PDB file of N, CA and C in Angstrom:
ATOM      1  N   UNK A   1     -18.563 -49.216  97.871  1.00  0.00           N
ATOM      2  CA  UNK A   1     -18.818 -49.446  96.461  1.00  0.00           C
ATOM      3  C   UNK A   1     -20.336 -49.582  96.249  1.00  0.00           C
ATOM      4  N   UNK A   2     -20.794 -48.984  95.168  1.00  0.00           N
ATOM      5  CA  UNK A   2     -22.206 -49.073  94.801  1.00  0.00           C
ATOM      6  C   UNK A   2     -22.381 -49.979  93.586  1.00  0.00           C
ATOM      7  N   UNK A   3     -23.557 -50.528  93.512  1.00  0.00           N
ATOM      8  CA  UNK A   3     -23.956 -51.370  92.364  1.00  0.00           C
ATOM      9  C   UNK A   3     -25.144 -50.724  91.718  1.00  0.00           C
ATOM     10  N   UNK A   4     -25.280 -50.923  90.412  1.00  0.00           N
ATOM     11  CA  UNK A   4     -26.369 -50.335  89.675  1.00  0.00           C
ATOM     12  C   UNK A   4     -27.148 -51.386  88.888  1.00  0.00           C
ATOM     13  N   UNK A   5     -28.428 -51.249  88.852  1.00  0.00           N
ATOM     14  CA  UNK A   5     -29.262 -51.993  87.907  1.00  0.00           C
ATOM     15  C   UNK A   5     -29.600 -51.018  86.803  1.00  0.00           C
ATOM     16  N   UNK A   6     -29.520 -51.461  85.566  1.00  0.00           N
ATOM     17  CA  UNK A   6     -29.738 -50.553  84.436  1.00  0.00           C
ATOM     18  C   UNK A   6     -30.602 -51.199  83.367  1.00  0.00           C
ATOM     19  N   UNK A   7     -31.192 -50.362  82.534  1.00  0.00           N
ATOM     20  CA  UNK A   7     -31.878 -50.788  81.343  1.00  0.00           C
ATOM     21  C   UNK A   7     -31.326 -50.017  80.175  1.00  0.00           C
ATOM     22  N   UNK A   8     -30.994 -50.730  79.110  1.00  0.00           N
ATOM     23  CA  UNK A   8     -30.551 -50.086  77.874  1.00  0.00           C
ATOM     24  C   UNK A   8     -31.567 -50.403  76.788  1.00  0.00           C
ATOM     25  N   UNK A   9     -31.642 -49.535  75.823  1.00  0.00           N
ATOM     26  CA  UNK A   9     -32.567 -49.693  74.685  1.00  0.00           C
ATOM     27  C   UNK A   9     -31.792 -49.560  73.383  1.00  0.00           C
ATOM     28  N   UNK A  10     -32.132 -50.401  72.431  1.00  0.00           N
ATOM     29  CA  UNK A  10     -31.473 -50.379  71.135  1.00  0.00           C
ATOM     30  C   UNK A  10     -31.834 -49.105  70.385  1.00  0.00           C
ATOM     31  N   UNK A  11     -30.812 -48.493  69.763  1.00  0.00           N
ATOM     32  CA  UNK A  11     -31.068 -47.335  68.899  1.00  0.00           C
ATOM     33  C   UNK A  11     -30.868 -47.733  67.421  1.00  0.00           C
ATOM     34  N   UNK A  12     -30.691 -49.016  67.196  1.00  0.00           N
ATOM     35  CA  UNK A  12     -30.563 -49.559  65.846  1.00  0.00           C
ATOM     36  C   UNK A  12     -31.908 -49.393  65.135  1.00  0.00           C
ATOM     37  N   UNK A  13     -31.950 -48.766  63.969  1.00  0.00           N
ATOM     38  CA  UNK A  13     -33.211 -48.550  63.257  1.00  0.00           C
ATOM     39  C   UNK A  13     -33.972 -49.840  63.026  1.00  0.00           C
ATOM     40  N   UNK A  14     -35.274 -49.808  63.283  1.00  0.00           N
ATOM     41  CA  UNK A  14     -36.139 -50.958  63.050  1.00  0.00           C
ATOM     42  C   UNK A  14     -36.129 -51.998  64.164  1.00  0.00           C
ATOM     43  N   UNK A  15     -35.379 -51.766  65.208  1.00  0.00           N
ATOM     44  CA  UNK A  15     -35.285 -52.717  66.320  1.00  0.00           C
ATOM     45  C   UNK A  15     -35.797 -52.041  67.592  1.00  0.00           C
ATOM     46  N   UNK A  16     -36.722 -52.707  68.277  1.00  0.00           N
ATOM     47  CA  UNK A  16     -37.257 -52.211  69.539  1.00  0.00           C
ATOM     48  C   UNK A  16     -36.915 -53.241  70.622  1.00  0.00           C
ATOM     49  N   UNK A  17     -35.660 -53.198  71.044  1.00  0.00           N
ATOM     50  CA  UNK A  17     -35.123 -54.199  71.932  1.00  0.00           C
ATOM     51  C   UNK A  17     -34.568 -53.521  73.213  1.00  0.00           C
ATOM     52  N   UNK A  18     -34.809 -54.137  74.357  1.00  0.00           N
ATOM     53  CA  UNK A  18     -34.250 -53.623  75.604  1.00  0.00           C
ATOM     54  C   UNK A  18     -33.488 -54.736  76.310  1.00  0.00           C
ATOM     55  N   UNK A  19     -32.619 -54.330  77.232  1.00  0.00           N
ATOM     56  CA  UNK A  19     -31.808 -55.274  78.000  1.00  0.00           C
ATOM     57  C   UNK A  19     -31.662 -54.719  79.405  1.00  0.00           C
ATOM     58  N   UNK A  20     -31.776 -55.561  80.415  1.00  0.00           N
ATOM     59  CA  UNK A  20     -31.588 -55.173  81.803  1.00  0.00           C
ATOM     60  C   UNK A  20     -30.381 -55.923  82.363  1.00  0.00           C
ATOM     61  N   UNK A  21     -29.622 -55.237  83.204  1.00  0.00           N
ATOM     62  CA  UNK A  21     -28.436 -55.865  83.800  1.00  0.00           C
ATOM     63  C   UNK A  21     -28.057 -55.136  85.060  1.00  0.00           C
ATOM     64  N   UNK A  22     -26.917 -55.599  85.680  1.00  0.00           N
ATOM     65  CA  UNK A  22     -26.391 -54.910  86.837  1.00  0.00           C
ATOM     66  C   UNK A  22     -24.884 -54.787  86.665  1.00  0.00           C
ATOM     67  N   UNK A  23     -24.283 -53.793  87.315  1.00  0.00           N
ATOM     68  CA  UNK A  23     -22.864 -53.536  87.191  1.00  0.00           C
ATOM     69  C   UNK A  23     -22.409 -52.590  88.276  1.00  0.00           C
ATOM     70  N   UNK A  24     -21.103 -52.402  88.379  1.00  0.00           N
ATOM     71  CA  UNK A  24     -20.575 -51.387  89.290  1.00  0.00           C
ATOM     72  C   UNK A  24     -20.180 -50.119  88.529  1.00  0.00           C
ATOM     73  N   UNK A  25     -20.065 -50.224  87.178  1.00  0.00           N
ATOM     74  CA  UNK A  25     -19.659 -49.094  86.367  1.00  0.00           C
ATOM     75  C   UNK A  25     -20.557 -49.052  85.108  1.00  0.00           C
ATOM     76  N   UNK A  26     -21.585 -48.226  85.123  1.00  0.00           N
ATOM     77  CA  UNK A  26     -22.573 -48.192  84.087  1.00  0.00           C
ATOM     78  C   UNK A  26     -21.960 -47.716  82.747  1.00  0.00           C
ATOM     79  N   UNK A  27     -21.126 -46.695  82.782  1.00  0.00           N
ATOM     80  CA  UNK A  27     -20.538 -46.195  81.541  1.00  0.00           C
ATOM     81  C   UNK A  27     -19.658 -47.238  80.849  1.00  0.00           C
ATOM     82  N   UNK A  28     -18.845 -47.942  81.640  1.00  0.00           N
ATOM     83  CA  UNK A  28     -17.993 -48.989  81.096  1.00  0.00           C
ATOM     84  C   UNK A  28     -18.837 -50.126  80.519  1.00  0.00           C
ATOM     85  N   UNK A  29     -19.904 -50.500  81.225  1.00  0.00           N
ATOM     86  CA  UNK A  29     -20.759 -51.585  80.771  1.00  0.00           C
ATOM     87  C   UNK A  29     -21.482 -51.222  79.473  1.00  0.00           C
ATOM     88  N   UNK A  30     -21.962 -49.979  79.383  1.00  0.00           N
ATOM     89  CA  UNK A  30     -22.617 -49.524  78.146  1.00  0.00           C
ATOM     90  C   UNK A  30     -21.639 -49.570  76.986  1.00  0.00           C
ATOM     91  N   UNK A  31     -20.417 -49.142  77.250  1.00  0.00           N
ATOM     92  CA  UNK A  31     -19.360 -49.197  76.213  1.00  0.00           C
ATOM     93  C   UNK A  31     -19.122 -50.624  75.745  1.00  0.00           C
ATOM     94  N   UNK A  32     -19.126 -51.564  76.685  1.00  0.00           N
ATOM     95  CA  UNK A  32     -18.964 -52.988  76.317  1.00  0.00           C
ATOM     96  C   UNK A  32     -20.111 -53.447  75.426  1.00  0.00           C
ATOM     97  N   UNK A  33     -21.340 -53.100  75.793  1.00  0.00           N
ATOM     98  CA  UNK A  33     -22.486 -53.486  74.971  1.00  0.00           C
ATOM     99  C   UNK A  33     -22.363 -52.909  73.556  1.00  0.00           C
ATOM    100  N   UNK A  34     -21.955 -51.661  73.465  1.00  0.00           N
ATOM    101  CA  UNK A  34     -21.840 -51.002  72.161  1.00  0.00           C
ATOM    102  C   UNK A  34     -20.651 -51.465  71.330  1.00  0.00           C
ATOM    103  N   UNK A  35     -19.653 -52.092  71.955  1.00  0.00           N
ATOM    104  CA  UNK A  35     -18.500 -52.598  71.219  1.00  0.00           C
ATOM    105  C   UNK A  35     -18.577 -54.120  71.035  1.00  0.00           C
ATOM    106  N   UNK A  36     -19.764 -54.692  71.223  1.00  0.00           N
ATOM    107  CA  UNK A  36     -20.029 -56.110  71.017  1.00  0.00           C
ATOM    108  C   UNK A  36     -19.237 -57.024  71.945  1.00  0.00           C
ATOM    109  N   UNK A  37     -18.841 -56.539  73.121  1.00  0.00           N
ATOM    110  CA  UNK A  37     -18.185 -57.389  74.104  1.00  0.00           C
ATOM    111  C   UNK A  37     -19.017 -57.540  75.342  1.00  0.00           C
ATOM    112  N   UNK A  38     -20.245 -57.109  75.288  1.00  0.00           N
ATOM    113  CA  UNK A  38     -21.177 -57.259  76.411  1.00  0.00           C
ATOM    114  C   UNK A  38     -21.901 -58.574  76.343  1.00  0.00           C
ATOM    115  N   UNK A  39     -23.068 -58.648  76.885  1.00  0.00           N
ATOM    116  CA  UNK A  39     -23.866 -59.873  76.869  1.00  0.00           C
ATOM    117  C   UNK A  39     -24.128 -60.298  75.423  1.00  0.00           C
ATOM    118  N   UNK A  40     -24.179 -61.633  75.234  1.00  0.00           N
ATOM    119  CA  UNK A  40     -24.365 -62.170  73.892  1.00  0.00           C
ATOM    120  C   UNK A  40     -25.600 -61.650  73.194  1.00  0.00           C
ATOM    121  N   UNK A  41     -26.699 -61.503  73.928  1.00  0.00           N
ATOM    122  CA  UNK A  41     -27.955 -61.020  73.333  1.00  0.00           C
ATOM    123  C   UNK A  41     -27.906 -59.564  72.911  1.00  0.00           C
ATOM    124  N   UNK A  42     -26.874 -58.814  73.312  1.00  0.00           N
ATOM    125  CA  UNK A  42     -26.803 -57.395  72.952  1.00  0.00           C
ATOM    126  C   UNK A  42     -25.866 -57.129  71.774  1.00  0.00           C
ATOM    127  N   UNK A  43     -25.217 -58.159  71.306  1.00  0.00           N
ATOM    128  CA  UNK A  43     -24.245 -57.976  70.205  1.00  0.00           C
ATOM    129  C   UNK A  43     -24.945 -57.658  68.900  1.00  0.00           C
ATOM    130  N   UNK A  44     -24.324 -56.775  68.137  1.00  0.00           N
ATOM    131  CA  UNK A  44     -24.862 -56.408  66.822  1.00  0.00           C
ATOM    132  C   UNK A  44     -25.815 -55.240  66.845  1.00  0.00           C
ATOM    133  N   UNK A  45     -25.998 -54.647  68.019  1.00  0.00           N
ATOM    134  CA  UNK A  45     -26.908 -53.498  68.145  1.00  0.00           C
ATOM    135  C   UNK A  45     -26.150 -52.335  68.794  1.00  0.00           C
ATOM    136  N   UNK A  46     -26.674 -51.132  68.611  1.00  0.00           N
ATOM    137  CA  UNK A  46     -26.160 -49.968  69.318  1.00  0.00           C
ATOM    138  C   UNK A  46     -27.187 -49.625  70.411  1.00  0.00           C
ATOM    139  N   UNK A  47     -26.698 -49.183  71.574  1.00  0.00           N
ATOM    140  CA  UNK A  47     -27.525 -49.023  72.750  1.00  0.00           C
ATOM    141  C   UNK A  47     -27.425 -47.629  73.332  1.00  0.00           C
ATOM    142  N   UNK A  48     -28.499 -47.260  74.052  1.00  0.00           N
ATOM    143  CA  UNK A  48     -28.461 -46.046  74.877  1.00  0.00           C
ATOM    144  C   UNK A  48     -29.018 -46.400  76.240  1.00  0.00           C
ATOM    145  N   UNK A  49     -28.495 -45.751  77.256  1.00  0.00           N
ATOM    146  CA  UNK A  49     -28.955 -45.975  78.630  1.00  0.00           C
ATOM    147  C   UNK A  49     -30.245 -45.247  78.828  1.00  0.00           C
ATOM    148  N   UNK A  50     -31.263 -45.941  79.331  1.00  0.00           N
ATOM    149  CA  UNK A  50     -32.576 -45.283  79.603  1.00  0.00           C
ATOM    150  C   UNK A  50     -32.935 -45.281  81.069  1.00  0.00           C
ATOM    151  N   UNK A  51     -32.249 -46.090  81.884  1.00  0.00           N
ATOM    152  CA  UNK A  51     -32.599 -46.159  83.314  1.00  0.00           C
ATOM    153  C   UNK A  51     -31.445 -46.760  84.096  1.00  0.00           C
ATOM    154  N   UNK A  52     -31.193 -46.190  85.301  1.00  0.00           N
ATOM    155  CA  UNK A  52     -30.247 -46.801  86.217  1.00  0.00           C
ATOM    156  C   UNK A  52     -30.692 -46.486  87.648  1.00  0.00           C
ATOM    157  N   UNK A  53     -30.446 -47.431  88.521  1.00  0.00           N
ATOM    158  CA  UNK A  53     -30.811 -47.264  89.933  1.00  0.00           C
ATOM    159  C   UNK A  53     -29.658 -47.769  90.765  1.00  0.00           C
ATOM    160  N   UNK A  54     -29.299 -47.026  91.815  1.00  0.00           N
ATOM    161  CA  UNK A  54     -28.139 -47.322  92.623  1.00  0.00           C
ATOM    162  C   UNK A  54     -28.522 -48.132  93.874  1.00  0.00           C
ATOM    163  N   UNK A  55     -27.662 -49.102  94.196  1.00  0.00           N
ATOM    164  CA  UNK A  55     -27.858 -49.964  95.374  1.00  0.00           C
ATOM    165  C   UNK A  55     -26.573 -50.051  96.167  1.00  0.00           C
ATOM    166  N   UNK A  56     -26.694 -50.291  97.481  1.00  0.00           N
ATOM    167  CA  UNK A  56     -25.516 -50.450  98.325  1.00  0.00           C
ATOM    168  C   UNK A  56     -24.934 -51.838  98.304  1.00  0.00           C
ATOM    169  N   UNK A  57     -25.730 -52.837  97.873  1.00  0.00           N
ATOM    170  CA  UNK A  57     -25.242 -54.210  97.870  1.00  0.00           C
ATOM    171  C   UNK A  57     -25.465 -54.856  96.513  1.00  0.00           C
ATOM    172  N   UNK A  58     -24.590 -55.785  96.180  1.00  0.00           N
ATOM    173  CA  UNK A  58     -24.707 -56.537  94.943  1.00  0.00           C
ATOM    174  C   UNK A  58     -26.005 -57.339  94.914  1.00  0.00           C
ATOM    175  N   UNK A  59     -26.336 -57.948  96.030  1.00  0.00           N
ATOM    176  CA  UNK A  59     -27.566 -58.767  96.077  1.00  0.00           C
ATOM    177  C   UNK A  59     -28.818 -57.944  95.833  1.00  0.00           C
ATOM    178  N   UNK A  60     -28.864 -56.725  96.326  1.00  0.00           N
ATOM    179  CA  UNK A  60     -30.021 -55.838  96.083  1.00  0.00           C
ATOM    180  C   UNK A  60     -30.105 -55.494  94.598  1.00  0.00           C
ATOM    181  N   UNK A  61     -28.966 -55.187  93.981  1.00  0.00           N
ATOM    182  CA  UNK A  61     -28.952 -54.852  92.554  1.00  0.00           C
ATOM    183  C   UNK A  61     -29.387 -56.044  91.716  1.00  0.00           C
ATOM    184  N   UNK A  62     -28.893 -57.210  92.071  1.00  0.00           N
ATOM    185  CA  UNK A  62     -29.242 -58.426  91.333  1.00  0.00           C
ATOM    186  C   UNK A  62     -30.729 -58.758  91.508  1.00  0.00           C
ATOM    187  N   UNK A  63     -31.240 -58.583  92.701  1.00  0.00           N
ATOM    188  CA  UNK A  63     -32.663 -58.842  92.944  1.00  0.00           C
ATOM    189  C   UNK A  63     -33.547 -57.936  92.122  1.00  0.00           C
ATOM    190  N   UNK A  64     -33.169 -56.646  92.041  1.00  0.00           N
ATOM    191  CA  UNK A  64     -33.978 -55.706  91.251  1.00  0.00           C
ATOM    192  C   UNK A  64     -33.862 -56.017  89.748  1.00  0.00           C
ATOM    193  N   UNK A  65     -32.683 -56.417  89.299  1.00  0.00           N
ATOM    194  CA  UNK A  65     -32.498 -56.833  87.915  1.00  0.00           C
ATOM    195  C   UNK A  65     -33.423 -58.007  87.597  1.00  0.00           C
ATOM    196  N   UNK A  66     -33.451 -58.993  88.473  1.00  0.00           N
ATOM    197  CA  UNK A  66     -34.305 -60.151  88.318  1.00  0.00           C
ATOM    198  C   UNK A  66     -35.782 -59.735  88.218  1.00  0.00           C
ATOM    199  N   UNK A  67     -36.153 -58.811  89.101  1.00  0.00           N
ATOM    200  CA  UNK A  67     -37.553 -58.331  89.132  1.00  0.00           C
ATOM    201  C   UNK A  67     -37.899 -57.639  87.807  1.00  0.00           C
ATOM    202  N   UNK A  68     -36.999 -56.799  87.298  1.00  0.00           N
ATOM    203  CA  UNK A  68     -37.241 -56.111  86.043  1.00  0.00           C
ATOM    204  C   UNK A  68     -37.366 -57.108  84.888  1.00  0.00           C
ATOM    205  N   UNK A  69     -36.512 -58.124  84.889  1.00  0.00           N
ATOM    206  CA  UNK A  69     -36.532 -59.087  83.805  1.00  0.00           C
ATOM    207  C   UNK A  69     -37.790 -59.942  83.812  1.00  0.00           C
ATOM    208  N   UNK A  70     -38.358 -60.198  84.990  1.00  0.00           N
ATOM    209  CA  UNK A  70     -39.532 -61.070  85.080  1.00  0.00           C
ATOM    210  C   UNK A  70     -40.848 -60.306  85.042  1.00  0.00           C
ATOM    211  N   UNK A  71     -40.864 -59.056  85.421  1.00  0.00           N
ATOM    212  CA  UNK A  71     -42.094 -58.264  85.509  1.00  0.00           C
ATOM    213  C   UNK A  71     -42.166 -57.316  84.305  1.00  0.00           C
ATOM    214  N   UNK A  72     -42.826 -57.759  83.228  1.00  0.00           N
ATOM    215  CA  UNK A  72     -42.917 -56.950  82.019  1.00  0.00           C
ATOM    216  C   UNK A  72     -43.698 -55.655  82.231  1.00  0.00           C
ATOM    217  N   UNK A  73     -44.691 -55.676  83.123  1.00  0.00           N
ATOM    218  CA  UNK A  73     -45.471 -54.460  83.413  1.00  0.00           C
ATOM    219  C   UNK A  73     -44.566 -53.403  84.052  1.00  0.00           C
ATOM    220  N   UNK A  74     -43.760 -53.805  85.041  1.00  0.00           N
ATOM    221  CA  UNK A  74     -42.816 -52.885  85.680  1.00  0.00           C
ATOM    222  C   UNK A  74     -41.835 -52.329  84.662  1.00  0.00           C
ATOM    223  N   UNK A  75     -41.289 -53.219  83.838  1.00  0.00           N
ATOM    224  CA  UNK A  75     -40.315 -52.779  82.836  1.00  0.00           C
ATOM    225  C   UNK A  75     -40.926 -51.765  81.861  1.00  0.00           C
ATOM    226  N   UNK A  76     -42.168 -52.012  81.472  1.00  0.00           N
ATOM    227  CA  UNK A  76     -42.857 -51.070  80.585  1.00  0.00           C
ATOM    228  C   UNK A  76     -43.084 -49.709  81.244  1.00  0.00           C
ATOM    229  N   UNK A  77     -43.453 -49.727  82.547  1.00  0.00           N
ATOM    230  CA  UNK A  77     -43.640 -48.468  83.262  1.00  0.00           C
ATOM    231  C   UNK A  77     -42.333 -47.677  83.371  1.00  0.00           C
ATOM    232  N   UNK A  78     -41.234 -48.394  83.646  1.00  0.00           N
ATOM    233  CA  UNK A  78     -39.926 -47.746  83.762  1.00  0.00           C
ATOM    234  C   UNK A  78     -39.568 -47.121  82.413  1.00  0.00           C
ATOM    235  N   UNK A  79     -39.750 -47.865  81.343  1.00  0.00           N
ATOM    236  CA  UNK A  79     -39.420 -47.346  80.037  1.00  0.00           C
ATOM    237  C   UNK A  79     -40.281 -46.142  79.649  1.00  0.00           C
ATOM    238  N   UNK A  80     -41.572 -46.176  79.987  1.00  0.00           N
ATOM    239  CA  UNK A  80     -42.433 -45.045  79.670  1.00  0.00           C
ATOM    240  C   UNK A  80     -42.016 -43.783  80.446  1.00  0.00           C
ATOM    241  N   UNK A  81     -41.570 -43.990  81.692  1.00  0.00           N
ATOM    242  CA  UNK A  81     -41.184 -42.857  82.521  1.00  0.00           C
ATOM    243  C   UNK A  81     -39.827 -42.255  82.145  1.00  0.00           C
ATOM    244  N   UNK A  82     -38.864 -43.090  81.826  1.00  0.00           N
ATOM    245  CA  UNK A  82     -37.497 -42.635  81.676  1.00  0.00           C
ATOM    246  C   UNK A  82     -37.006 -42.552  80.227  1.00  0.00           C
ATOM    247  N   UNK A  83     -37.665 -43.218  79.286  1.00  0.00           N
ATOM    248  CA  UNK A  83     -37.209 -43.210  77.904  1.00  0.00           C
ATOM    249  C   UNK A  83     -37.869 -42.088  77.134  1.00  0.00           C
ATOM    250  N   UNK A  84     -37.240 -40.941  77.148  1.00  0.00           N
ATOM    251  CA  UNK A  84     -37.795 -39.763  76.477  1.00  0.00           C
ATOM    252  C   UNK A  84     -36.888 -39.269  75.381  1.00  0.00           C
TER     253      UNK A  84
END
């Protein structure tokens, strides 16, 4: 089983919001975010996937998620590279 760290970006007009998380099923998780059953901070917005990275272990995926959430420079670089 693989784990993924992902970044989603709001497509709601006038909102420039991103969210980072980890999961085993990116499509299902994105669907949850878009149906307001995902993380509390993502409710009320529509989202698109802008980045995902695959890991062999849950701990590696969680560590990378933590790094993305804490390192704003890294997050900005990822968004510039993959959000087209």
